[in-house]
Amino acid sequence: MKTKQSNPSPGLPTNINFKIPAYWTPEQALAVFELLDDLREQIGAHYSVQLFEISREQHLHASTDRPNEPTPKSTINRSDPTT
């Protein structure tokens, strides 16, 4: 499943640089970390199937874009003598 990407508006940057303040207390850093973790969990729960499909599609495209790289051990079929 492919999603259509919108084109960036003219004049707007294509990347947003985000710097983490160096003055956060460890408690503030933990609060942000936990917020992001909760957000990731909620997005994952809602979009799990779509995220899996997109991730799989991207992985397939990445592996076909680099045909000369060795096959990862986790995908080698041990019963196949050619791998």
Protein backbone atom coordinates (compact mmCIF):
# COMPACT_ATOMS: atom_id res chain seq x y z
CA MET A 1 0.00 0.00 0.00
CA LYS A 2 1.54 3.27 -1.08
CA THR A 3 0.57 6.61 0.29
CA LYS A 4 0.72 9.72 -1.84
CA GLN A 5 3.27 12.18 -0.56
CA SER A 6 2.37 15.81 -0.73
CA ASN A 7 4.79 18.21 -2.36
CA PRO A 8 6.34 20.74 0.00
CA SER A 9 5.02 24.26 -0.29
CA PRO A 10 7.34 26.57 -2.20
CA GLY A 11 9.59 28.53 0.10
CA LEU A 12 9.25 26.10 3.03
CA PRO A 13 12.25 24.04 4.12
CA THR A 14 12.10 20.33 3.30
CA ASN A 15 13.71 19.37 6.61
CA ILE A 16 13.02 20.54 10.12
CA ASN A 17 16.10 20.57 12.32
CA PHE A 18 15.27 19.95 15.93
CA LYS A 19 17.81 20.49 18.65
CA ILE A 20 17.34 19.12 22.13
CA PRO A 21 18.01 21.69 24.81
CA ALA A 22 21.17 20.95 26.78
CA TYR A 23 19.66 22.44 29.94
CA TRP A 24 16.90 19.87 30.53
CA THR A 25 16.98 18.16 33.84
CA PRO A 26 17.12 14.35 33.78
CA GLU A 27 13.47 14.39 34.89
CA GLN A 28 12.47 16.60 31.95
CA ALA A 29 14.39 14.39 29.54
CA LEU A 30 12.66 11.32 30.98
CA ALA A 31 9.24 12.98 30.63
CA VAL A 32 9.88 13.70 26.95
CA PHE A 33 11.28 10.20 26.42
CA GLU A 34 8.18 8.66 27.99
CA LEU A 35 5.90 10.91 25.94
CA LEU A 36 7.60 9.82 22.72
CA ASP A 37 7.45 6.19 23.79
CA ASP A 38 3.71 6.50 24.53
CA LEU A 39 3.16 8.27 21.22
CA ARG A 40 5.02 5.52 19.35
CA GLU A 41 2.92 2.90 21.13
CA GLN A 42 -0.36 4.65 20.27
CA ILE A 43 0.60 5.15 16.61
CA GLY A 44 1.71 1.53 16.43
CA ALA A 45 -1.56 0.29 17.92
CA HIS A 46 -3.63 2.33 15.50
CA TYR A 47 -1.60 1.84 12.31
CA SER A 48 0.09 -1.52 13.01
CA VAL A 49 -0.97 -3.25 9.79
CA GLN A 50 -0.19 -0.26 7.57
CA LEU A 51 3.15 0.34 9.28
CA PHE A 52 4.08 -3.32 8.84
CA GLU A 53 3.17 -3.21 5.13
CA ILE A 54 5.11 0.01 4.52
CA SER A 55 8.13 -1.27 6.45
CA ARG A 56 8.06 -4.55 4.51
CA GLU A 57 7.75 -2.70 1.20
CA GLN A 58 10.65 -0.39 2.06
CA HIS A 59 12.78 -3.36 3.12
CA LEU A 60 12.01 -5.17 -0.14
CA HIS A 61 12.90 -2.09 -2.19
CA ALA A 62 16.09 -1.56 -0.20
CA SER A 63 17.23 -5.14 -0.73
CA THR A 64 16.52 -5.02 -4.48
CA ASP A 65 18.32 -1.68 -4.77
CA ARG A 66 21.53 -3.32 -3.48
CA PRO A 67 21.80 -6.62 -5.37
CA ASN A 68 25.55 -7.08 -4.67
CA GLU A 69 25.22 -7.09 -0.88
CA PRO A 70 25.33 -10.46 0.88
CA THR A 71 22.10 -11.99 2.10
CA PRO A 72 21.54 -11.45 5.85
CA LYS A 73 21.98 -14.67 7.83
CA SER A 74 18.44 -14.46 9.16
CA THR A 75 17.04 -14.96 5.64
CA ILE A 76 19.29 -17.87 4.68
CA ASN A 77 17.45 -21.16 4.30
CA ARG A 78 19.66 -23.70 6.11
CA SER A 79 18.08 -26.61 4.24
CA ASP A 80 18.95 -25.04 0.86
CA PRO A 81 22.55 -26.02 -0.07
CA THR A 82 22.87 -23.05 -2.44
CA THR A 83 22.69 -20.46 0.40
